[in-house]
Amino acid sequence: MAMSGEAEDILIEISPGETRAAFVDGEGRLVGLQIERMGEESLVGAICRGRVTRIEKATQTAFVDIGLKAPGLVNRAQGLHEGEMLTVQVVRDAWGDKGPAVTAAVALSGRYLVLRPTEDEIQWPRALPARLRREREAAVAGIAKEGEGLALRSNLALADDGMLAAEVERLRGSWQDISTRAKEARKPAVLCPAPGIAERLLRDEAPGGGIVVDDRRLVAELAALAKRTAPDLAGRIAFHDGRRPLFDERGVDEQIAEALSRRVDLPRGASLVIDELEALTAIDVNMGGAGVGRASDDAILSFNRTAAAEAARHVMLRNIAGLIVIDFVSMRNKGNRRHLVEAVRRAFAHDRVVVDVLGMTPAGLVEVTRQRRGRSLASLVCVPVHREIELQPEALACAALRAALRMLGAGRPVLRCRPSVAAALRGSLAPALAETERRLGQTIEVREDPVCREFELLREGRT
């Protein structure tokens, strides 16, 4: 999930089976979350040599064997034919019954720019100030080559001319290596794997503060990687050596629980109620103890502006996409309604995906559309069960392993959990269970209990 909003610090917590990266602002509020779980790693960014196995003429969709479980899908298949070998890049993970989306327009992303070896154009970020563009145009023109494209990133402001030149040469070297492997490939294969969560963070993010990690080995790896690929982050990667777990100390776990809740409490008894439905997401704003009947129109506008900022934060944090309908507290003044729509636009101004605030309907509902990029937070950690939402077995299993590492006392560790959690620990997360047992120096007895809602850890007997 892409980070949205203004992050002051990035907090990375490593545990068996799962890596979590939290983005917090200067007030300690959670503004973004990324999760990478064993067996569910993203393929986005992977470059593969593939073979076209089938073309659907009606939809102009090509199915490409890329050496992975599911075939890749090329949406515009004009000019392709069955049996053809080509180099493609994964741009969207598999979802539901659809395989991963791939494209022949390969892009190699760096921290400051993107190399597009099959294009011939220089693209500048829309949000880049005109003054900065004028200052950098000569340097960019000097490193560009005919027959290749460059797309400058917003992180451009963090790099000097030498850093830009070094990055483009590094990306060209990577593309040359990939091209060589592609020529040698006789069957579908992955030529360059997708970047992991740590590499993505160094490549994409620009925290105002620093990166705090609770694993010494990862701190060393990130420091070495930053020196090569993100020199502006050098010296800003630190190890968390506190007595309490990182996410616990910074209040992140509590905020994650809130981000999975249907109701979000606001001051003075007010609240947001967020319902993620099949066709749209509905957000209901309730004024609560502030008293709608007694409040003036200007007071309601002030409250609605505060609610708009919090609603936008939760939309970005939860990575909600598609149509979003926000039902604010009603206002009679037409000018105040226009001010509210502008407040919603400002609240989404720092979002990294495309957001379109469509305006207010005659019924007083503000409509917003948000581009889909990656999975929503709910889909990462929750699953629908009998019209209710529960935490996924894999998410519960990883939480149980984290808790086991923090469990004190003597005796044999026993994990009582529902059967689906036990199945996850014996299946895709078996290596994570083994790593936890190695750290504990003890075997964890996993007991299935059909009536257990989540899990329970206890110690029995003597070790």
Protein backbone atom coordinates (compact mmCIF):
# COMPACT_ATOMS: atom_id res chain seq x y z
CA MET A 1 0.00 0.00 0.00
CA ALA A 2 1.39 3.40 -0.93
CA MET A 3 1.98 5.88 1.79
CA SER A 4 -0.15 9.01 1.71
CA GLY A 5 0.04 12.25 3.61
CA GLU A 6 3.02 13.96 5.25
CA ALA A 7 5.11 11.41 7.17
CA GLU A 8 7.63 12.55 9.76
CA ASP A 9 9.00 9.09 10.60
CA ILE A 10 8.83 5.62 9.10
CA LEU A 11 8.74 2.85 11.70
CA ILE A 12 9.65 -0.67 10.56
CA GLU A 13 8.83 -3.64 12.78
CA ILE A 14 10.16 -7.07 11.83
CA SER A 15 8.57 -10.24 13.18
CA PRO A 16 8.51 -13.87 12.02
CA GLY A 17 6.35 -14.08 8.91
CA GLU A 18 5.58 -10.38 8.62
CA THR A 19 7.17 -6.97 8.12
CA ARG A 20 5.12 -3.87 8.92
CA ALA A 21 6.06 -0.29 8.04
CA ALA A 22 4.11 2.54 9.68
CA PHE A 23 4.18 6.17 8.57
CA VAL A 24 3.52 8.65 11.38
CA ASP A 25 3.25 12.42 11.24
CA GLY A 26 4.79 14.96 13.60
CA GLU A 27 1.92 14.49 16.06
CA GLY A 28 2.39 10.72 16.18
CA ARG A 29 -0.71 9.99 14.09
CA LEU A 30 -0.64 7.04 11.73
CA VAL A 31 -0.93 8.26 8.12
CA GLY A 32 0.09 5.14 6.21
CA LEU A 33 0.80 1.45 6.65
CA GLN A 34 2.49 -1.20 4.51
CA ILE A 35 2.46 -4.91 5.30
CA GLU A 36 4.51 -7.66 3.67
CA ARG A 37 3.63 -11.18 4.78
CA MET A 38 5.45 -14.43 4.05
CA GLY A 39 3.91 -16.10 0.99
CA GLU A 40 2.03 -12.94 -0.02
CA GLU A 41 4.87 -10.77 -1.33
CA SER A 42 3.95 -8.28 -4.06
CA LEU A 43 5.12 -9.00 -7.61
CA VAL A 44 4.73 -5.38 -8.77
CA GLY A 45 7.93 -4.23 -10.45
CA ALA A 46 9.18 -7.71 -11.36
CA ILE A 47 10.55 -7.94 -14.92
CA CYS A 48 9.98 -11.24 -16.70
CA ARG A 49 10.64 -12.95 -20.00
CA GLY A 50 7.28 -14.31 -21.11
CA ARG A 51 5.60 -16.25 -23.89
CA VAL A 52 2.17 -15.34 -25.28
CA THR A 53 -0.02 -18.40 -24.77
CA ARG A 54 -3.43 -17.07 -25.82
CA ILE A 55 -5.05 -13.94 -27.23
CA GLU A 56 -8.68 -13.02 -26.63
CA LYS A 57 -9.58 -11.18 -29.83
CA ALA A 58 -12.86 -9.80 -28.48
CA THR A 59 -11.15 -7.96 -25.61
CA GLN A 60 -7.66 -7.68 -27.15
CA THR A 61 -6.22 -9.29 -24.02
CA ALA A 62 -3.10 -11.46 -24.20
CA PHE A 63 -2.26 -14.17 -21.67
CA VAL A 64 1.48 -14.38 -21.09
CA ASP A 65 3.31 -17.21 -19.32
CA ILE A 66 5.86 -15.36 -17.16
CA GLY A 67 7.24 -18.31 -15.22
CA LEU A 68 4.96 -17.76 -12.22
CA LYS A 69 1.82 -19.53 -10.98
CA ALA A 70 -0.69 -17.38 -12.87
CA PRO A 71 -0.26 -16.00 -16.41
CA GLY A 72 0.20 -12.27 -16.85
CA LEU A 73 -2.45 -10.23 -18.65
CA VAL A 74 -1.62 -7.64 -21.33
CA ASN A 75 -4.64 -5.38 -21.89
CA ARG A 76 -3.66 -4.07 -25.32
CA ALA A 77 -2.50 -7.03 -27.37
CA GLN A 78 -2.36 -5.39 -30.81
CA GLY A 79 0.59 -6.71 -32.78
CA LEU A 80 1.19 -9.71 -30.50
CA HIS A 81 0.79 -13.31 -31.64
CA GLU A 82 0.64 -16.64 -29.85
CA GLY A 83 4.04 -18.18 -29.14
CA GLU A 84 5.86 -14.83 -29.23
CA MET A 85 8.51 -14.20 -26.56
CA LEU A 86 8.66 -10.72 -25.01
CA THR A 87 9.93 -8.88 -21.94
CA VAL A 88 7.22 -7.58 -19.63
CA GLN A 89 6.89 -5.97 -16.20
CA VAL A 90 4.26 -6.65 -13.54
CA VAL A 91 2.24 -3.49 -12.84
CA ARG A 92 -0.56 -4.97 -10.70
CA ASP A 93 -0.72 -8.03 -8.48
CA ALA A 94 -3.17 -10.85 -9.10
CA TRP A 95 -6.55 -10.15 -7.55
CA GLY A 96 -9.45 -12.57 -7.13
CA ASP A 97 -9.59 -14.77 -10.23
CA LYS A 98 -7.52 -12.34 -12.32
CA GLY A 99 -3.83 -12.88 -12.92
CA PRO A 100 -1.19 -10.15 -12.56
CA ALA A 101 -1.36 -7.29 -15.06
CA VAL A 102 1.82 -6.84 -17.11
CA THR A 103 3.10 -4.37 -19.68
CA ALA A 104 5.81 -4.35 -22.33
CA ALA A 105 6.59 -0.71 -21.43
CA VAL A 106 9.27 -1.54 -18.86
CA ALA A 107 10.18 1.16 -16.33
CA LEU A 108 13.16 0.98 -13.95
CA SER A 109 12.44 3.14 -10.91
CA GLY A 110 15.10 4.94 -8.92
CA ARG A 111 14.67 7.35 -6.05
CA TYR A 112 14.93 10.50 -8.17
CA LEU A 113 13.93 9.39 -11.66
CA VAL A 114 12.51 6.50 -13.69
CA LEU A 115 14.30 5.08 -16.73
CA ARG A 116 11.94 4.05 -19.56
CA PRO A 117 14.21 2.24 -22.03
CA THR A 118 11.47 1.67 -24.64
CA GLU A 119 10.31 5.31 -24.82
CA ASP A 120 11.85 8.61 -25.93
CA GLU A 121 10.49 11.43 -23.78
CA ILE A 122 11.36 13.43 -20.66
CA GLN A 123 8.46 13.70 -18.22
CA TRP A 124 8.33 16.08 -15.26
CA PRO A 125 6.15 15.65 -12.15
CA ARG A 126 3.13 17.94 -12.21
CA ALA A 127 3.64 18.98 -8.59
CA LEU A 128 7.23 20.13 -9.18
CA PRO A 129 7.53 23.93 -8.79
CA ALA A 130 8.26 25.72 -12.07
CA ARG A 131 11.35 27.35 -10.56
CA LEU A 132 12.88 23.99 -9.65
CA ARG A 133 12.14 22.62 -13.11
CA ARG A 134 13.91 25.55 -14.76
CA GLU A 135 16.91 25.03 -12.49
CA ARG A 136 17.21 21.32 -13.33
CA GLU A 137 16.32 21.24 -17.04
CA ALA A 138 19.91 21.65 -18.23
CA ALA A 139 21.22 18.91 -15.94
CA VAL A 140 18.45 16.49 -16.98
CA ALA A 141 19.02 17.23 -20.67
CA GLY A 142 22.70 16.49 -20.13
CA ILE A 143 22.10 12.97 -18.79
CA ALA A 144 19.31 12.03 -21.24
CA LYS A 145 20.15 9.85 -24.24
CA GLU A 146 18.36 9.53 -27.55
CA GLY A 147 16.07 6.53 -27.71
CA GLU A 148 15.29 6.32 -24.00
CA GLY A 149 12.79 8.06 -21.76
CA LEU A 150 13.23 9.64 -18.34
CA ALA A 151 10.44 10.40 -15.87
CA LEU A 152 11.54 12.68 -13.05
CA ARG A 153 10.11 11.98 -9.60
CA SER A 154 9.07 14.41 -6.87
CA ASN A 155 12.14 13.28 -4.87
CA LEU A 156 14.16 15.14 -7.52
CA ALA A 157 14.34 18.08 -5.12
CA LEU A 158 16.44 15.93 -2.74
CA ALA A 159 19.20 15.21 -5.28
CA ASP A 160 22.02 17.27 -6.74
CA ASP A 161 23.18 16.92 -10.35
CA GLY A 162 25.82 14.33 -9.46
CA MET A 163 23.28 12.14 -7.67
CA LEU A 164 20.98 12.27 -10.72
CA ALA A 165 23.80 11.28 -13.08
CA ALA A 166 24.88 8.41 -10.81
CA GLU A 167 21.34 7.07 -10.55
CA VAL A 168 20.63 7.07 -14.28
CA GLU A 169 23.92 5.24 -14.95
CA ARG A 170 23.04 2.64 -12.32
CA LEU A 171 19.60 2.10 -13.90
CA ARG A 172 21.14 1.82 -17.38
CA GLY A 173 23.50 -0.84 -16.07
CA SER A 174 20.56 -2.75 -14.60
CA TRP A 175 18.68 -2.59 -17.91
CA GLN A 176 21.73 -3.84 -19.80
CA ASP A 177 21.97 -6.84 -17.45
CA ILE A 178 18.25 -7.55 -17.82
CA SER A 179 18.45 -7.31 -21.62
CA THR A 180 21.34 -9.78 -21.67
CA ARG A 181 19.41 -12.28 -19.54
CA ALA A 182 16.34 -11.80 -21.76
CA LYS A 183 18.34 -12.71 -24.89
CA GLU A 184 19.66 -15.84 -23.20
CA ALA A 185 16.26 -16.97 -21.86
CA ARG A 186 14.75 -19.88 -23.78
CA LYS A 187 11.65 -20.21 -21.62
CA PRO A 188 9.53 -17.93 -19.41
CA ALA A 189 11.47 -16.74 -16.37
CA VAL A 190 11.80 -13.89 -13.88
CA LEU A 191 14.67 -11.67 -15.05
CA CYS A 192 14.57 -9.21 -12.15
CA PRO A 193 12.53 -9.88 -8.98
CA ALA A 194 10.17 -7.33 -7.49
CA PRO A 195 11.70 -5.06 -4.84
CA GLY A 196 10.98 -5.97 -1.24
CA ILE A 197 9.31 -3.64 1.21
CA ALA A 198 12.60 -2.20 2.52
CA GLU A 199 13.90 -1.40 -0.97
CA ARG A 200 10.56 0.19 -1.91
CA LEU A 201 10.65 2.41 1.16
CA LEU A 202 14.13 3.74 0.38
CA ARG A 203 13.19 4.26 -3.25
CA ASP A 204 9.82 5.94 -2.83
CA GLU A 205 9.53 7.70 0.51
CA ALA A 206 10.87 11.02 1.80
CA PRO A 207 10.21 11.19 5.55
CA GLY A 208 10.75 14.53 7.24
CA GLY A 209 12.40 12.77 10.18
CA GLY A 210 14.00 9.37 9.77
CA ILE A 211 13.54 5.62 9.52
CA VAL A 212 13.45 3.66 12.79
CA VAL A 213 13.88 -0.13 12.62
CA ASP A 214 13.67 -2.76 15.37
CA ASP A 215 16.07 -5.20 13.67
CA ARG A 216 19.84 -4.58 13.70
CA ARG A 217 20.53 -6.63 10.58
CA LEU A 218 17.95 -4.70 8.56
CA VAL A 219 19.39 -1.40 9.84
CA ALA A 220 22.79 -2.39 8.42
CA GLU A 221 21.23 -3.52 5.11
CA LEU A 222 19.22 -0.30 4.76
CA ALA A 223 22.23 1.87 5.59
CA ALA A 224 24.31 0.15 2.90
CA LEU A 225 21.46 0.37 0.37
CA ALA A 226 20.86 4.05 1.17
CA LYS A 227 24.51 4.81 0.58
CA ARG A 228 24.20 3.39 -2.96
CA THR A 229 20.68 4.40 -3.97
CA ALA A 230 19.31 7.04 -1.56
CA PRO A 231 22.20 9.19 -0.32
CA ASP A 232 19.84 11.87 1.02
CA LEU A 233 18.68 9.31 3.63
CA ALA A 234 22.20 8.41 4.77
CA GLY A 235 22.56 8.92 8.51
CA ARG A 236 18.79 8.97 9.08
CA ILE A 237 18.29 5.24 9.67
CA ALA A 238 18.27 4.28 13.35
CA PHE A 239 17.86 1.16 15.48
CA HIS A 240 15.05 1.04 18.04
CA ASP A 241 16.59 -0.16 21.29
CA GLY A 242 13.69 0.65 23.60
CA ARG A 243 12.45 -1.84 26.17
CA ARG A 244 8.95 -1.86 24.70
CA PRO A 245 8.17 -3.06 21.14
CA LEU A 246 8.42 -0.24 18.59
CA PHE A 247 4.78 -0.20 17.47
CA ASP A 248 3.59 -0.48 21.07
CA GLU A 249 5.80 2.37 22.26
CA ARG A 250 4.63 4.69 19.46
CA GLY A 251 0.95 3.74 19.77
CA VAL A 252 0.78 2.27 16.27
CA ASP A 253 -1.03 -0.99 17.06
CA GLU A 254 -3.83 0.92 18.75
CA GLN A 255 -4.22 3.16 15.70
CA ILE A 256 -4.22 0.16 13.35
CA ALA A 257 -7.11 -1.30 15.35
CA GLU A 258 -8.95 2.02 14.96
CA ALA A 259 -8.28 1.98 11.21
CA LEU A 260 -10.03 -1.40 10.99
CA SER A 261 -13.02 -0.20 12.98
CA ARG A 262 -16.25 0.94 11.37
CA ARG A 263 -16.54 3.87 13.80
CA VAL A 264 -13.92 6.59 14.27
CA ASP A 265 -14.39 8.76 17.35
CA LEU A 266 -13.94 12.53 17.10
CA PRO A 267 -13.84 15.07 19.97
CA ARG A 268 -16.99 15.88 22.00
CA GLY A 269 -18.85 12.71 21.07
CA ALA A 270 -18.70 13.26 17.31
CA SER A 271 -17.79 10.40 14.99
CA LEU A 272 -17.26 9.07 11.50
CA VAL A 273 -18.93 5.84 10.40
CA ILE A 274 -17.11 4.23 7.47
CA ASP A 275 -18.78 1.45 5.48
CA GLU A 276 -16.73 -0.14 2.68
CA LEU A 277 -19.37 -1.62 0.37
CA GLU A 278 -19.15 -3.49 -2.92
CA ALA A 279 -20.02 -0.51 -5.15
CA LEU A 280 -18.83 2.42 -3.02
CA THR A 281 -17.59 3.54 0.37
CA ALA A 282 -20.02 5.58 2.48
CA ILE A 283 -18.75 7.89 5.23
CA ASP A 284 -21.35 9.33 7.60
CA VAL A 285 -20.31 12.36 9.69
CA ASN A 286 -22.08 12.64 13.05
CA MET A 287 -21.80 15.82 15.11
CA GLY A 288 -22.69 14.13 18.40
CA GLY A 289 -22.48 16.27 21.52
CA ALA A 290 -21.57 19.37 19.51
CA GLY A 291 -25.31 19.82 18.97
CA VAL A 292 -26.48 20.33 15.39
CA GLY A 293 -29.67 22.13 16.38
CA ARG A 294 -27.86 24.72 18.51
CA ALA A 295 -24.88 25.29 16.19
CA SER A 296 -24.66 28.12 13.67
CA ASP A 297 -23.92 27.43 10.02
CA ASP A 298 -20.35 28.74 10.47
CA ALA A 299 -19.82 26.47 13.48
CA ILE A 300 -21.06 23.50 11.46
CA LEU A 301 -18.67 24.46 8.63
CA SER A 302 -15.77 24.50 11.09
CA PHE A 303 -16.76 21.07 12.39
CA ASN A 304 -17.21 19.69 8.86
CA ARG A 305 -13.73 20.92 7.89
CA THR A 306 -12.23 19.02 10.82
CA ALA A 307 -14.24 15.94 9.87
CA ALA A 308 -13.10 16.28 6.24
CA ALA A 309 -9.44 16.18 7.28
CA GLU A 310 -10.00 13.09 9.43
CA ALA A 311 -12.11 11.37 6.75
CA ALA A 312 -9.37 11.96 4.15
CA ARG A 313 -6.72 10.64 6.56
CA HIS A 314 -8.66 7.42 7.04
CA VAL A 315 -9.38 7.01 3.33
CA MET A 316 -5.64 7.27 2.60
CA LEU A 317 -4.62 5.17 5.61
CA ARG A 318 -7.10 2.42 4.72
CA ASN A 319 -6.20 2.79 1.01
CA ILE A 320 -9.87 2.96 0.06
CA ALA A 321 -10.43 3.27 -3.70
CA GLY A 322 -13.30 3.80 -6.12
CA LEU A 323 -16.34 5.96 -5.38
CA ILE A 324 -16.46 7.52 -1.90
CA VAL A 325 -19.58 9.35 -0.70
CA ILE A 326 -19.29 11.57 2.40
CA ASP A 327 -22.45 12.69 4.20
CA PHE A 328 -21.43 15.78 6.17
CA VAL A 329 -23.61 17.66 8.63
CA SER A 330 -26.09 19.71 6.58
CA MET A 331 -25.50 23.42 6.01
CA ARG A 332 -27.97 25.93 4.61
CA ASN A 333 -25.47 28.50 3.34
CA LYS A 334 -24.43 27.79 -0.28
CA GLY A 335 -21.12 29.60 0.19
CA ASN A 336 -20.26 27.36 3.13
CA ARG A 337 -21.04 24.32 1.01
CA ARG A 338 -18.51 25.50 -1.57
CA HIS A 339 -15.97 26.13 1.20
CA LEU A 340 -16.49 22.56 2.44
CA VAL A 341 -15.85 21.06 -1.00
CA GLU A 342 -12.60 23.06 -1.19
CA ALA A 343 -11.67 21.79 2.29
CA VAL A 344 -12.11 18.21 1.05
CA ARG A 345 -9.83 18.96 -1.92
CA ARG A 346 -7.17 20.37 0.42
CA ALA A 347 -7.47 17.32 2.67
CA PHE A 348 -6.52 15.05 -0.26
CA ALA A 349 -3.84 17.39 -1.64
CA HIS A 350 -0.94 15.21 -0.42
CA ASP A 351 -2.41 11.92 -1.64
CA ARG A 352 -0.04 10.09 -3.98
CA VAL A 353 -2.78 8.50 -6.05
CA VAL A 354 -5.20 10.33 -8.32
CA VAL A 355 -8.16 11.77 -6.41
CA ASP A 356 -11.05 13.64 -8.00
CA VAL A 357 -13.40 15.57 -5.71
CA LEU A 358 -16.51 15.69 -7.89
CA GLY A 359 -18.41 18.17 -5.74
CA MET A 360 -21.60 18.20 -3.70
CA THR A 361 -24.81 16.61 -4.93
CA PRO A 362 -28.22 18.31 -4.55
CA ALA A 363 -28.77 16.00 -1.58
CA GLY A 364 -25.70 17.45 0.15
CA LEU A 365 -23.38 14.46 -0.35
CA VAL A 366 -19.74 15.09 -1.33
CA GLU A 367 -18.59 12.61 -3.97
CA VAL A 368 -14.93 11.62 -4.35
CA THR A 369 -13.24 9.10 -6.62
CA ARG A 370 -9.84 7.66 -5.73
CA GLN A 371 -7.53 5.61 -7.95
CA ARG A 372 -6.94 2.00 -6.93
CA ARG A 373 -3.29 1.24 -6.18
CA GLY A 374 -2.53 -1.88 -4.22
CA ARG A 375 -4.82 -3.60 -1.76
CA SER A 376 -6.86 -1.88 0.90
CA LEU A 377 -5.86 -2.27 4.54
CA ALA A 378 -9.03 -4.24 5.22
CA SER A 379 -8.29 -6.73 2.43
CA LEU A 380 -4.74 -7.20 3.77
CA VAL A 381 -5.75 -8.17 7.29
CA CYS A 382 -9.48 -8.98 7.25
CA VAL A 383 -11.82 -11.49 5.65
CA PRO A 384 -15.65 -11.50 5.44
CA VAL A 385 -17.28 -14.32 7.44
CA HIS A 386 -21.08 -14.71 7.49
CA ARG A 387 -21.61 -11.02 6.64
CA GLU A 388 -19.18 -9.95 9.36
CA ILE A 389 -15.52 -8.94 9.16
CA GLU A 390 -12.84 -10.93 10.96
CA LEU A 391 -9.06 -10.77 10.96
CA GLN A 392 -7.48 -13.08 8.40
CA PRO A 393 -6.02 -16.32 9.79
CA GLU A 394 -2.58 -15.30 8.48
CA ALA A 395 -2.80 -11.90 10.20
CA LEU A 396 -3.84 -13.55 13.47
CA ALA A 397 -1.06 -16.13 13.16
CA CYS A 398 1.58 -13.41 12.74
CA ALA A 399 0.13 -11.49 15.70
CA ALA A 400 0.31 -14.67 17.79
CA LEU A 401 3.97 -15.18 16.89
CA ARG A 402 4.77 -11.58 17.85
CA ALA A 403 3.01 -12.09 21.17
CA ALA A 404 4.87 -15.36 21.77
CA LEU A 405 8.23 -13.60 21.50
CA ARG A 406 7.12 -11.13 24.19
CA MET A 407 5.63 -13.72 26.56
CA LEU A 408 7.30 -13.90 29.96
CA GLY A 409 7.37 -16.64 32.58
CA ALA A 410 8.41 -20.28 32.75
CA GLY A 411 6.79 -23.36 31.31
CA ARG A 412 5.99 -24.79 27.90
CA PRO A 413 4.44 -22.22 25.50
CA VAL A 414 0.98 -23.22 24.27
CA LEU A 415 -0.96 -21.41 21.55
CA ARG A 416 -4.71 -22.02 21.59
CA CYS A 417 -6.31 -20.81 18.36
CA ARG A 418 -9.06 -21.49 15.89
CA PRO A 419 -8.37 -24.19 13.26
CA SER A 420 -7.80 -21.73 10.40
CA VAL A 421 -4.98 -20.04 12.33
CA ALA A 422 -3.39 -23.41 13.12
CA ALA A 423 -3.62 -24.32 9.42
CA ALA A 424 -1.80 -21.11 8.46
CA LEU A 425 0.99 -21.88 10.95
CA ARG A 426 1.37 -25.38 9.53
CA GLY A 427 1.16 -24.14 5.95
CA SER A 428 2.54 -20.92 4.44
CA LEU A 429 3.75 -19.61 7.82
CA ALA A 430 5.50 -22.81 8.95
CA PRO A 431 8.95 -21.19 8.46
CA ALA A 432 7.82 -18.25 10.61
CA LEU A 433 6.70 -20.63 13.37
CA ALA A 434 10.07 -22.40 13.20
CA GLU A 435 11.91 -19.06 13.44
CA THR A 436 9.85 -18.09 16.51
CA GLU A 437 10.64 -21.41 18.18
CA ARG A 438 14.33 -20.94 17.37
CA ARG A 439 14.33 -17.53 19.06
CA LEU A 440 12.46 -18.85 22.08
CA GLY A 441 14.57 -21.98 22.32
CA GLN A 442 11.32 -23.89 22.84
CA THR A 443 8.68 -25.66 20.78
CA ILE A 444 5.27 -24.00 20.71
CA GLU A 445 2.38 -26.42 21.10
CA VAL A 446 -0.42 -25.36 18.74
CA ARG A 447 -3.86 -26.46 19.94
CA GLU A 448 -6.89 -26.09 17.73
CA ASP A 449 -10.03 -24.80 19.42
CA PRO A 450 -13.12 -24.26 17.21
CA VAL A 451 -14.72 -21.90 19.75
CA CYS A 452 -11.62 -19.69 20.10
CA ARG A 453 -12.34 -16.37 18.36
CA GLU A 454 -8.72 -15.30 17.85
CA PHE A 455 -5.90 -16.84 19.92
CA GLU A 456 -4.64 -17.28 23.47
CA LEU A 457 -1.07 -17.82 24.67
CA LEU A 458 -0.21 -19.51 27.96
CA ARG A 459 2.54 -21.50 29.61
CA GLU A 460 2.03 -24.94 31.08
CA GLY A 461 4.14 -27.18 33.30
CA ARG A 462 7.92 -26.89 33.42
CA THR A 463 10.26 -26.30 30.48
